[in-house]
Amino acid sequence: MSRKIRIMVAKPGLDGHDRGARVLARCFRDAGFEVIYTGCHQTPEQIAAAAIQEDVDLVGLSCLSGAHRYLFPRVVELLREQGASDITVIGGGIIPEQDFPLLKDAGLKAIFTPGATLEEIVAWVRENVGPQG
């Protein structure tokens, strides 16, 4: 018997606009995934530590403040440093397309911006992420 995919939705940095992250967390739950929502104003260190402690399969990062160029790669870097590079990291929010290569090179597996449908995001998770345990 396999377990459900475990997803953490996190808001790194000073960005306090979390409506989209909350909608996504609820969508993931309704799709049958286990969901942990960290709330706003999390540091990359807090997010990486919580992802490892909660044994998640996926971390979904949301940023609307423009700090994604530093915050998202830092989370991936911390996960790698702590031996958790098997945790998939995706990002979303207000992210200019010209930043996609930088984020993908840093280890993010997908980036979803406004206009991406909830169905599209759930389908991506189902196709690309499996329970690690």
Protein backbone atom coordinates (compact mmCIF):
# COMPACT_ATOMS: atom_id res chain seq x y z
CA MET A 1 0.00 0.00 0.00
CA SER A 2 1.61 3.25 -1.09
CA ARG A 3 1.25 6.47 0.81
CA LYS A 4 -0.08 9.75 -0.52
CA ILE A 5 2.25 12.32 -2.05
CA ARG A 6 3.26 14.78 0.70
CA ILE A 7 3.47 18.41 -0.35
CA MET A 8 4.67 21.45 1.56
CA VAL A 9 3.49 24.85 0.36
CA ALA A 10 5.78 27.60 1.63
CA LYS A 11 6.04 31.39 1.42
CA PRO A 12 9.69 32.40 1.78
CA GLY A 13 10.77 35.93 2.55
CA LEU A 14 8.80 39.03 3.41
CA ASP A 15 5.97 38.49 0.94
CA GLY A 16 2.74 38.36 2.95
CA HIS A 17 0.32 37.85 0.08
CA ASP A 18 -0.69 34.23 0.54
CA ARG A 19 -4.12 33.88 -1.08
CA GLY A 20 -2.69 31.93 -4.03
CA ALA A 21 -0.63 29.68 -1.76
CA ARG A 22 -3.70 28.93 0.36
CA VAL A 23 -5.79 28.18 -2.72
CA LEU A 24 -3.08 25.86 -4.00
CA ALA A 25 -2.74 24.09 -0.65
CA ARG A 26 -6.48 23.47 -0.58
CA CYS A 27 -6.43 22.32 -4.21
CA PHE A 28 -3.65 19.84 -3.44
CA ARG A 29 -5.59 18.52 -0.46
CA ASP A 30 -8.75 18.16 -2.55
CA ALA A 31 -6.69 16.28 -5.17
CA GLY A 32 -5.81 13.67 -2.53
CA PHE A 33 -2.34 14.82 -1.52
CA GLU A 34 -1.16 15.32 2.06
CA VAL A 35 -0.46 19.03 2.51
CA ILE A 36 1.56 21.08 4.97
CA TYR A 37 1.27 24.88 4.71
CA THR A 38 4.04 26.78 6.48
CA GLY A 39 2.44 30.21 6.42
CA CYS A 40 4.13 33.47 5.45
CA HIS A 41 7.53 34.93 6.22
CA GLN A 42 9.55 31.72 6.32
CA THR A 43 13.30 31.70 5.84
CA PRO A 44 14.86 29.24 3.39
CA GLU A 45 16.45 27.54 6.41
CA GLN A 46 13.06 27.07 8.08
CA ILE A 47 11.52 25.73 4.88
CA ALA A 48 14.32 23.22 4.22
CA ALA A 49 14.30 22.01 7.83
CA ALA A 50 10.52 21.60 7.84
CA ALA A 51 10.55 19.79 4.49
CA ILE A 52 13.04 17.26 5.83
CA GLN A 53 11.28 16.89 9.18
CA GLU A 54 7.89 16.40 7.51
CA ASP A 55 9.38 13.94 4.96
CA VAL A 56 7.74 15.68 2.03
CA ASP A 57 8.03 14.67 -1.59
CA LEU A 58 7.53 18.18 -2.98
CA VAL A 59 8.06 21.75 -1.82
CA GLY A 60 5.99 24.36 -3.62
CA LEU A 61 7.42 27.84 -3.10
CA SER A 62 5.38 30.97 -3.71
CA CYS A 63 6.81 34.45 -4.10
CA LEU A 64 5.22 37.65 -5.30
CA SER A 65 7.85 40.07 -3.98
CA GLY A 66 10.57 39.59 -6.60
CA ALA A 67 12.96 37.82 -4.21
CA HIS A 68 12.55 34.45 -5.96
CA ARG A 69 15.99 34.78 -7.61
CA TYR A 70 17.64 34.33 -4.20
CA LEU A 71 15.05 32.55 -2.05
CA PHE A 72 14.10 29.67 -4.34
CA PRO A 73 17.68 28.59 -5.20
CA ARG A 74 18.63 28.89 -1.53
CA VAL A 75 15.95 26.38 -0.50
CA VAL A 76 17.21 23.90 -3.12
CA GLU A 77 20.80 24.47 -1.99
CA LEU A 78 19.93 23.83 1.66
CA LEU A 79 18.05 20.64 0.81
CA ARG A 80 21.07 19.39 -1.15
CA GLU A 81 23.46 20.28 1.68
CA GLN A 82 21.31 18.28 4.10
CA GLY A 83 21.10 15.19 1.89
CA ALA A 84 17.53 15.79 0.76
CA SER A 85 18.05 16.44 -2.94
CA ASP A 86 15.33 13.86 -3.64
CA ILE A 87 12.70 16.43 -2.57
CA THR A 88 11.27 18.05 -5.69
CA VAL A 89 11.06 21.84 -5.56
CA ILE A 90 8.72 23.93 -7.73
CA GLY A 91 8.01 27.63 -7.70
CA GLY A 92 5.16 29.94 -8.44
CA GLY A 93 4.09 33.52 -8.28
CA ILE A 94 5.05 36.68 -10.12
CA ILE A 95 8.17 35.40 -11.86
CA PRO A 96 9.41 36.93 -15.10
CA GLU A 97 10.01 34.42 -17.85
CA GLN A 98 13.63 35.60 -18.19
CA ASP A 99 14.26 34.26 -14.66
CA PHE A 100 13.11 30.72 -15.55
CA PRO A 101 16.56 29.54 -16.75
CA LEU A 102 18.26 30.77 -13.56
CA LEU A 103 15.68 28.96 -11.40
CA LYS A 104 15.79 25.75 -13.44
CA ASP A 105 19.61 25.78 -13.37
CA ALA A 106 19.37 26.15 -9.58
CA GLY A 107 17.31 22.95 -9.40
CA LEU A 108 13.66 23.95 -9.55
CA LYS A 109 11.74 21.40 -11.58
CA ALA A 110 8.81 23.59 -12.65
CA ILE A 111 7.61 27.17 -12.43
CA PHE A 112 3.94 28.16 -12.47
CA THR A 113 2.89 31.75 -12.96
CA PRO A 114 -0.50 33.49 -12.98
CA GLY A 115 -2.59 31.88 -15.67
CA ALA A 116 -1.53 28.33 -14.83
CA THR A 117 -4.63 26.35 -13.96
CA LEU A 118 -4.96 24.33 -10.79
CA GLU A 119 -5.64 21.29 -12.95
CA GLU A 120 -2.38 21.86 -14.83
CA ILE A 121 -0.39 22.06 -11.59
CA VAL A 122 -2.02 18.95 -10.10
CA ALA A 123 -1.43 17.03 -13.33
CA TRP A 124 2.25 18.05 -13.30
CA VAL A 125 2.62 16.81 -9.72
CA ARG A 126 0.93 13.48 -10.51
CA GLU A 127 3.18 12.97 -13.54
CA ASN A 128 6.47 14.06 -11.96
CA VAL A 129 6.35 13.34 -8.24
CA GLY A 130 5.91 10.11 -6.34
CA PRO A 131 5.99 9.23 -2.67
CA GLN A 132 9.55 8.64 -1.53
CA GLY A 133 8.62 6.12 1.12
